[in-house]
């Protein structure tokens, strides 16, 4: 994810789960984790319990997370 966001600084991206867009942030700075955790509420506006359920499904492989560039140039 760090490499992807480094290549897409200044651009809009889509975060998809099972081909459905759940978040479309504008990348201002690359995500450089350095051992830190990233918190993305998925789906957007989800409660903590809903986010945890989605994360468990992602970790188990029941859902697929993708990042996609929305380059409008």
PDB file of N, CA and C in Angstrom:
ATOM      1  N   UNK A   1       0.820  -1.175   0.000  1.00  0.00           N
ATOM      2  CA  UNK A   1       0.000   0.000   0.000  1.00  0.00           C
ATOM      3  C   UNK A   1       0.876   1.255   0.000  1.00  0.00           C
ATOM      4  N   UNK A   2       2.014   1.190   0.690  1.00  0.00           N
ATOM      5  CA  UNK A   2       2.913   2.348   0.706  1.00  0.00           C
ATOM      6  C   UNK A   2       3.369   2.703  -0.703  1.00  0.00           C
ATOM      7  N   UNK A   3       3.797   1.702  -1.469  1.00  0.00           N
ATOM      8  CA  UNK A   3       4.261   1.950  -2.839  1.00  0.00           C
ATOM      9  C   UNK A   3       3.132   2.488  -3.718  1.00  0.00           C
ATOM     10  N   UNK A   4       1.946   1.928  -3.590  1.00  0.00           N
ATOM     11  CA  UNK A   4       0.801   2.377  -4.384  1.00  0.00           C
ATOM     12  C   UNK A   4       0.499   3.841  -4.098  1.00  0.00           C
ATOM     13  N   UNK A   5       0.434   4.206  -2.811  1.00  0.00           N
ATOM     14  CA  UNK A   5       0.092   5.589  -2.481  1.00  0.00           C
ATOM     15  C   UNK A   5       1.220   6.557  -2.841  1.00  0.00           C
ATOM     16  N   UNK A   6       2.461   6.105  -2.787  1.00  0.00           N
ATOM     17  CA  UNK A   6       3.569   6.959  -3.243  1.00  0.00           C
ATOM     18  C   UNK A   6       3.409   7.307  -4.717  1.00  0.00           C
ATOM     19  N   UNK A   7       2.984   6.341  -5.527  1.00  0.00           N
ATOM     20  CA  UNK A   7       2.799   6.563  -6.970  1.00  0.00           C
ATOM     21  C   UNK A   7       1.561   7.396  -7.290  1.00  0.00           C
ATOM     22  N   UNK A   8       0.641   7.514  -6.338  1.00  0.00           N
ATOM     23  CA  UNK A   8      -0.631   8.187  -6.609  1.00  0.00           C
ATOM     24  C   UNK A   8      -0.874   9.440  -5.768  1.00  0.00           C
ATOM     25  N   UNK A   9       0.183  10.039  -5.227  1.00  0.00           N
ATOM     26  CA  UNK A   9       0.035  11.290  -4.481  1.00  0.00           C
ATOM     27  C   UNK A   9      -0.568  12.340  -5.404  1.00  0.00           C
ATOM     28  N   UNK A  10      -1.567  13.063  -4.894  1.00  0.00           N
ATOM     29  CA  UNK A  10      -2.237  14.094  -5.679  1.00  0.00           C
ATOM     30  C   UNK A  10      -3.381  13.568  -6.526  1.00  0.00           C
ATOM     31  N   UNK A  11      -3.677  12.279  -6.408  1.00  0.00           N
ATOM     32  CA  UNK A  11      -4.731  11.668  -7.217  1.00  0.00           C
ATOM     33  C   UNK A  11      -5.830  11.097  -6.335  1.00  0.00           C
ATOM     34  N   UNK A  12      -6.972  10.857  -6.937  1.00  0.00           N
ATOM     35  CA  UNK A  12      -8.070  10.173  -6.279  1.00  0.00           C
ATOM     36  C   UNK A  12      -7.922   8.681  -6.522  1.00  0.00           C
ATOM     37  N   UNK A  13      -8.225   7.885  -5.504  1.00  0.00           N
ATOM     38  CA  UNK A  13      -8.210   6.434  -5.661  1.00  0.00           C
ATOM     39  C   UNK A  13      -9.532   5.872  -5.148  1.00  0.00           C
ATOM     40  N   UNK A  14      -9.816   4.661  -5.521  1.00  0.00           N
ATOM     41  CA  UNK A  14     -10.964   3.934  -4.992  1.00  0.00           C
ATOM     42  C   UNK A  14     -10.451   2.767  -4.169  1.00  0.00           C
ATOM     43  N   UNK A  15     -11.084   2.534  -3.042  1.00  0.00           N
ATOM     44  CA  UNK A  15     -10.851   1.347  -2.235  1.00  0.00           C
ATOM     45  C   UNK A  15     -12.082   0.471  -2.440  1.00  0.00           C
ATOM     46  N   UNK A  16     -11.857  -0.728  -2.965  1.00  0.00           N
ATOM     47  CA  UNK A  16     -12.964  -1.620  -3.291  1.00  0.00           C
ATOM     48  C   UNK A  16     -12.927  -2.875  -2.434  1.00  0.00           C
ATOM     49  N   UNK A  17     -14.096  -3.350  -2.067  1.00  0.00           N
ATOM     50  CA  UNK A  17     -14.232  -4.643  -1.425  1.00  0.00           C
ATOM     51  C   UNK A  17     -15.202  -5.438  -2.278  1.00  0.00           C
ATOM     52  N   UNK A  18     -14.706  -6.584  -2.768  1.00  0.00           N
ATOM     53  CA  UNK A  18     -15.489  -7.426  -3.687  1.00  0.00           C
ATOM     54  C   UNK A  18     -16.058  -6.610  -4.843  1.00  0.00           C
ATOM     55  N   UNK A  19     -15.195  -5.776  -5.449  1.00  0.00           N
ATOM     56  CA  UNK A  19     -15.509  -4.964  -6.627  1.00  0.00           C
ATOM     57  C   UNK A  19     -16.463  -3.803  -6.346  1.00  0.00           C
ATOM     58  N   UNK A  20     -16.828  -3.571  -5.073  1.00  0.00           N
ATOM     59  CA  UNK A  20     -17.706  -2.462  -4.696  1.00  0.00           C
ATOM     60  C   UNK A  20     -16.882  -1.361  -4.040  1.00  0.00           C
ATOM     61  N   UNK A  21     -17.008  -0.126  -4.539  1.00  0.00           N
ATOM     62  CA  UNK A  21     -16.272   1.003  -3.972  1.00  0.00           C
ATOM     63  C   UNK A  21     -16.826   1.300  -2.579  1.00  0.00           C
ATOM     64  N   UNK A  22     -15.937   1.295  -1.571  1.00  0.00           N
ATOM     65  CA  UNK A  22     -16.355   1.584  -0.202  1.00  0.00           C
ATOM     66  C   UNK A  22     -15.771   2.902   0.306  1.00  0.00           C
ATOM     67  N   UNK A  23     -14.767   3.431  -0.405  1.00  0.00           N
ATOM     68  CA  UNK A  23     -14.102   4.656   0.003  1.00  0.00           C
ATOM     69  C   UNK A  23     -13.367   5.203  -1.203  1.00  0.00           C
ATOM     70  N   UNK A  24     -13.358   6.535  -1.378  1.00  0.00           N
ATOM     71  CA  UNK A  24     -12.655   7.153  -2.502  1.00  0.00           C
ATOM     72  C   UNK A  24     -11.852   8.359  -2.018  1.00  0.00           C
ATOM     73  N   UNK A  25     -10.729   8.102  -1.355  1.00  0.00           N
ATOM     74  CA  UNK A  25      -9.941   9.216  -0.832  1.00  0.00           C
ATOM     75  C   UNK A  25      -9.074   9.883  -1.896  1.00  0.00           C
ATOM     76  N   UNK A  26      -8.702  11.130  -1.617  1.00  0.00           N
ATOM     77  CA  UNK A  26      -7.704  11.858  -2.405  1.00  0.00           C
ATOM     78  C   UNK A  26      -6.389  11.696  -1.646  1.00  0.00           C
ATOM     79  N   UNK A  27      -5.364  11.207  -2.315  1.00  0.00           N
ATOM     80  CA  UNK A  27      -4.081  10.940  -1.655  1.00  0.00           C
ATOM     81  C   UNK A  27      -3.260  12.228  -1.606  1.00  0.00           C
ATOM     82  N   UNK A  28      -3.081  12.749  -0.400  1.00  0.00           N
ATOM     83  CA  UNK A  28      -2.293  13.966  -0.205  1.00  0.00           C
ATOM     84  C   UNK A  28      -0.832  13.595   0.066  1.00  0.00           C
ATOM     85  N   UNK A  29      -0.635  12.590   0.901  1.00  0.00           N
ATOM     86  CA  UNK A  29       0.689  12.096   1.260  1.00  0.00           C
ATOM     87  C   UNK A  29       0.679  10.580   1.145  1.00  0.00           C
ATOM     88  N   UNK A  30       1.824   9.972   0.835  1.00  0.00           N
ATOM     89  CA  UNK A  30       1.857   8.512   0.807  1.00  0.00           C
ATOM     90  C   UNK A  30       1.661   7.936   2.199  1.00  0.00           C
ATOM     91  N   UNK A  31       1.078   6.740   2.260  1.00  0.00           N
ATOM     92  CA  UNK A  31       0.920   6.030   3.533  1.00  0.00           C
ATOM     93  C   UNK A  31       2.230   5.318   3.818  1.00  0.00           C
ATOM     94  N   UNK A  32       3.019   5.858   4.713  1.00  0.00           N
ATOM     95  CA  UNK A  32       4.285   5.249   5.105  1.00  0.00           C
ATOM     96  C   UNK A  32       4.111   4.733   6.526  1.00  0.00           C
ATOM     97  N   UNK A  33       3.946   3.450   6.657  1.00  0.00           N
ATOM     98  CA  UNK A  33       3.514   2.862   7.910  1.00  0.00           C
ATOM     99  C   UNK A  33       4.588   2.781   8.983  1.00  0.00           C
ATOM    100  N   UNK A  34       5.789   2.435   8.637  1.00  0.00           N
ATOM    101  CA  UNK A  34       6.872   2.287   9.607  1.00  0.00           C
ATOM    102  C   UNK A  34       6.427   1.509  10.845  1.00  0.00           C
ATOM    103  N   UNK A  35       5.711   0.401  10.623  1.00  0.00           N
ATOM    104  CA  UNK A  35       5.270  -0.442  11.719  1.00  0.00           C
ATOM    105  C   UNK A  35       4.001   0.021  12.409  1.00  0.00           C
ATOM    106  N   UNK A  36       3.399   1.115  11.926  1.00  0.00           N
ATOM    107  CA  UNK A  36       2.167   1.614  12.529  1.00  0.00           C
ATOM    108  C   UNK A  36       0.958   1.022  11.823  1.00  0.00           C
ATOM    109  N   UNK A  37      -0.163   0.973  12.538  1.00  0.00           N
ATOM    110  CA  UNK A  37      -1.394   0.455  11.954  1.00  0.00           C
ATOM    111  C   UNK A  37      -2.128   1.562  11.212  1.00  0.00           C
ATOM    112  N   UNK A  38      -2.825   1.180  10.174  1.00  0.00           N
ATOM    113  CA  UNK A  38      -3.677   2.093   9.417  1.00  0.00           C
ATOM    114  C   UNK A  38      -5.113   1.786   9.787  1.00  0.00           C
ATOM    115  N   UNK A  39      -5.887   2.823  10.081  1.00  0.00           N
ATOM    116  CA  UNK A  39      -7.306   2.626  10.394  1.00  0.00           C
ATOM    117  C   UNK A  39      -8.141   3.239   9.277  1.00  0.00           C
ATOM    118  N   UNK A  40      -8.855   2.407   8.561  1.00  0.00           N
ATOM    119  CA  UNK A  40      -9.787   2.862   7.529  1.00  0.00           C
ATOM    120  C   UNK A  40     -11.146   2.304   7.906  1.00  0.00           C
ATOM    121  N   UNK A  41     -12.135   3.183   8.187  1.00  0.00           N
ATOM    122  CA  UNK A  41     -13.463   2.662   8.501  1.00  0.00           C
ATOM    123  C   UNK A  41     -14.089   2.058   7.249  1.00  0.00           C
ATOM    124  N   UNK A  42     -14.268   0.760   7.234  1.00  0.00           N
ATOM    125  CA  UNK A  42     -14.834   0.094   6.060  1.00  0.00           C
ATOM    126  C   UNK A  42     -16.033  -0.733   6.477  1.00  0.00           C
ATOM    127  N   UNK A  43     -17.130  -0.563   5.811  1.00  0.00           N
ATOM    128  CA  UNK A  43     -17.415   0.491   4.833  1.00  0.00           C
ATOM    129  C   UNK A  43     -17.478   1.863   5.497  1.00  0.00           C
ATOM    130  N   UNK A  44     -17.364   2.927   4.693  1.00  0.00           N
ATOM    131  CA  UNK A  44     -17.361   4.292   5.224  1.00  0.00           C
ATOM    132  C   UNK A  44     -18.588   4.500   6.103  1.00  0.00           C
ATOM    133  N   UNK A  45     -18.378   5.102   7.255  1.00  0.00           N
ATOM    134  CA  UNK A  45     -19.476   5.357   8.174  1.00  0.00           C
ATOM    135  C   UNK A  45     -19.883   4.155   9.015  1.00  0.00           C
ATOM    136  N   UNK A  46     -19.156   3.072   8.900  1.00  0.00           N
ATOM    137  CA  UNK A  46     -19.497   1.857   9.640  1.00  0.00           C
ATOM    138  C   UNK A  46     -19.214   2.037  11.126  1.00  0.00           C
ATOM    139  N   UNK A  47     -19.952   1.323  11.933  1.00  0.00           N
ATOM    140  CA  UNK A  47     -19.673   1.295  13.371  1.00  0.00           C
ATOM    141  C   UNK A  47     -18.415   0.461  13.596  1.00  0.00           C
ATOM    142  N   UNK A  48     -17.880   0.508  14.796  1.00  0.00           N
ATOM    143  CA  UNK A  48     -16.706  -0.295  15.117  1.00  0.00           C
ATOM    144  C   UNK A  48     -16.958  -1.774  14.910  1.00  0.00           C
ATOM    145  N   UNK A  49     -18.138  -2.249  15.304  1.00  0.00           N
ATOM    146  CA  UNK A  49     -18.477  -3.669  15.154  1.00  0.00           C
ATOM    147  C   UNK A  49     -18.578  -4.055  13.682  1.00  0.00           C
ATOM    148  N   UNK A  50     -19.173  -3.178  12.874  1.00  0.00           N
ATOM    149  CA  UNK A  50     -19.301  -3.466  11.438  1.00  0.00           C
ATOM    150  C   UNK A  50     -17.935  -3.493  10.767  1.00  0.00           C
ATOM    151  N   UNK A  51     -17.073  -2.553  11.142  1.00  0.00           N
ATOM    152  CA  UNK A  51     -15.713  -2.537  10.588  1.00  0.00           C
ATOM    153  C   UNK A  51     -14.957  -3.803  10.975  1.00  0.00           C
ATOM    154  N   UNK A  52     -15.080  -4.234  12.235  1.00  0.00           N
ATOM    155  CA  UNK A  52     -14.390  -5.445  12.680  1.00  0.00           C
ATOM    156  C   UNK A  52     -14.889  -6.671  11.921  1.00  0.00           C
ATOM    157  N   UNK A  53     -16.189  -6.743  11.672  1.00  0.00           N
ATOM    158  CA  UNK A  53     -16.744  -7.864  10.910  1.00  0.00           C
ATOM    159  C   UNK A  53     -16.174  -7.878   9.493  1.00  0.00           C
ATOM    160  N   UNK A  54     -16.087  -6.712   8.863  1.00  0.00           N
ATOM    161  CA  UNK A  54     -15.526  -6.616   7.514  1.00  0.00           C
ATOM    162  C   UNK A  54     -14.062  -7.008   7.521  1.00  0.00           C
ATOM    163  N   UNK A  55     -13.307  -6.532   8.497  1.00  0.00           N
ATOM    164  CA  UNK A  55     -11.880  -6.860   8.596  1.00  0.00           C
ATOM    165  C   UNK A  55     -11.679  -8.358   8.787  1.00  0.00           C
ATOM    166  N   UNK A  56     -12.483  -8.977   9.630  1.00  0.00           N
ATOM    167  CA  UNK A  56     -12.379 -10.430   9.830  1.00  0.00           C
ATOM    168  C   UNK A  56     -12.619 -11.176   8.518  1.00  0.00           C
ATOM    169  N   UNK A  57     -13.576 -10.725   7.728  1.00  0.00           N
ATOM    170  CA  UNK A  57     -13.855 -11.369   6.440  1.00  0.00           C
ATOM    171  C   UNK A  57     -12.715 -11.141   5.452  1.00  0.00           C
ATOM    172  N   UNK A  58     -12.093  -9.960   5.496  1.00  0.00           N
ATOM    173  CA  UNK A  58     -10.944  -9.703   4.626  1.00  0.00           C
ATOM    174  C   UNK A  58      -9.775 -10.604   4.990  1.00  0.00           C
ATOM    175  N   UNK A  59      -9.489 -10.702   6.282  1.00  0.00           N
ATOM    176  CA  UNK A  59      -8.372 -11.525   6.759  1.00  0.00           C
ATOM    177  C   UNK A  59      -8.601 -12.996   6.420  1.00  0.00           C
ATOM    178  N   UNK A  60      -9.843 -13.453   6.525  1.00  0.00           N
ATOM    179  CA  UNK A  60     -10.149 -14.860   6.256  1.00  0.00           C
ATOM    180  C   UNK A  60     -10.192 -15.179   4.762  1.00  0.00           C
ATOM    181  N   UNK A  61     -10.213 -14.136   3.921  1.00  0.00           N
ATOM    182  CA  UNK A  61     -10.268 -14.364   2.473  1.00  0.00           C
ATOM    183  C   UNK A  61     -11.681 -14.421   1.920  1.00  0.00           C
ATOM    184  N   UNK A  62     -12.685 -14.183   2.757  1.00  0.00           N
ATOM    185  CA  UNK A  62     -14.070 -14.185   2.283  1.00  0.00           C
ATOM    186  C   UNK A  62     -14.392 -12.936   1.476  1.00  0.00           C
ATOM    187  N   UNK A  63     -13.620 -11.852   1.688  1.00  0.00           N
ATOM    188  CA  UNK A  63     -13.764 -10.618   0.928  1.00  0.00           C
ATOM    189  C   UNK A  63     -12.411 -10.262   0.329  1.00  0.00           C
ATOM    190  N   UNK A  64     -12.418  -9.515  -0.777  1.00  0.00           N
ATOM    191  CA  UNK A  64     -11.181  -9.109  -1.444  1.00  0.00           C
ATOM    192  C   UNK A  64     -11.081  -7.589  -1.438  1.00  0.00           C
ATOM    193  N   UNK A  65      -9.939  -7.063  -0.976  1.00  0.00           N
ATOM    194  CA  UNK A  65      -9.673  -5.630  -0.946  1.00  0.00           C
ATOM    195  C   UNK A  65      -8.806  -5.270  -2.147  1.00  0.00           C
ATOM    196  N   UNK A  66      -9.191  -4.218  -2.871  1.00  0.00           N
ATOM    197  CA  UNK A  66      -8.421  -3.726  -4.007  1.00  0.00           C
ATOM    198  C   UNK A  66      -8.263  -2.222  -3.903  1.00  0.00           C
ATOM    199  N   UNK A  67      -7.173  -1.696  -4.457  1.00  0.00           N
ATOM    200  CA  UNK A  67      -6.968  -0.264  -4.613  1.00  0.00           C
ATOM    201  C   UNK A  67      -6.920   0.026  -6.098  1.00  0.00           C
ATOM    202  N   UNK A  68      -7.578   1.100  -6.520  1.00  0.00           N
ATOM    203  CA  UNK A  68      -7.634   1.432  -7.937  1.00  0.00           C
ATOM    204  C   UNK A  68      -7.454   2.940  -8.113  1.00  0.00           C
ATOM    205  N   UNK A  69      -6.656   3.333  -9.090  1.00  0.00           N
ATOM    206  CA  UNK A  69      -6.459   4.748  -9.388  1.00  0.00           C
ATOM    207  C   UNK A  69      -7.658   5.287 -10.151  1.00  0.00           C
ATOM    208  N   UNK A  70      -8.066   6.514  -9.833  1.00  0.00           N
ATOM    209  CA  UNK A  70      -9.125   7.188 -10.579  1.00  0.00           C
ATOM    210  C   UNK A  70      -8.529   8.398 -11.246  1.00  0.00           C
ATOM    211  N   UNK A  71      -7.524   8.197 -12.037  1.00  0.00           N
ATOM    212  CA  UNK A  71      -6.772   9.285 -12.674  1.00  0.00           C
ATOM    213  C   UNK A  71      -7.675   9.967 -13.713  1.00  0.00           C
ATOM    214  N   UNK A  72      -8.032  11.221 -13.466  1.00  0.00           N
ATOM    215  CA  UNK A  72      -8.939  11.960 -14.351  1.00  0.00           C
ATOM    216  C   UNK A  72      -8.197  12.835 -15.361  1.00  0.00           C
ATOM    217  N   UNK A  73      -6.943  12.563 -15.606  1.00  0.00           N
ATOM    218  CA  UNK A  73      -6.163  13.399 -16.517  1.00  0.00           C
ATOM    219  C   UNK A  73      -6.344  12.981 -17.946  1.00  0.00           C
TER     220      UNK A  73
END
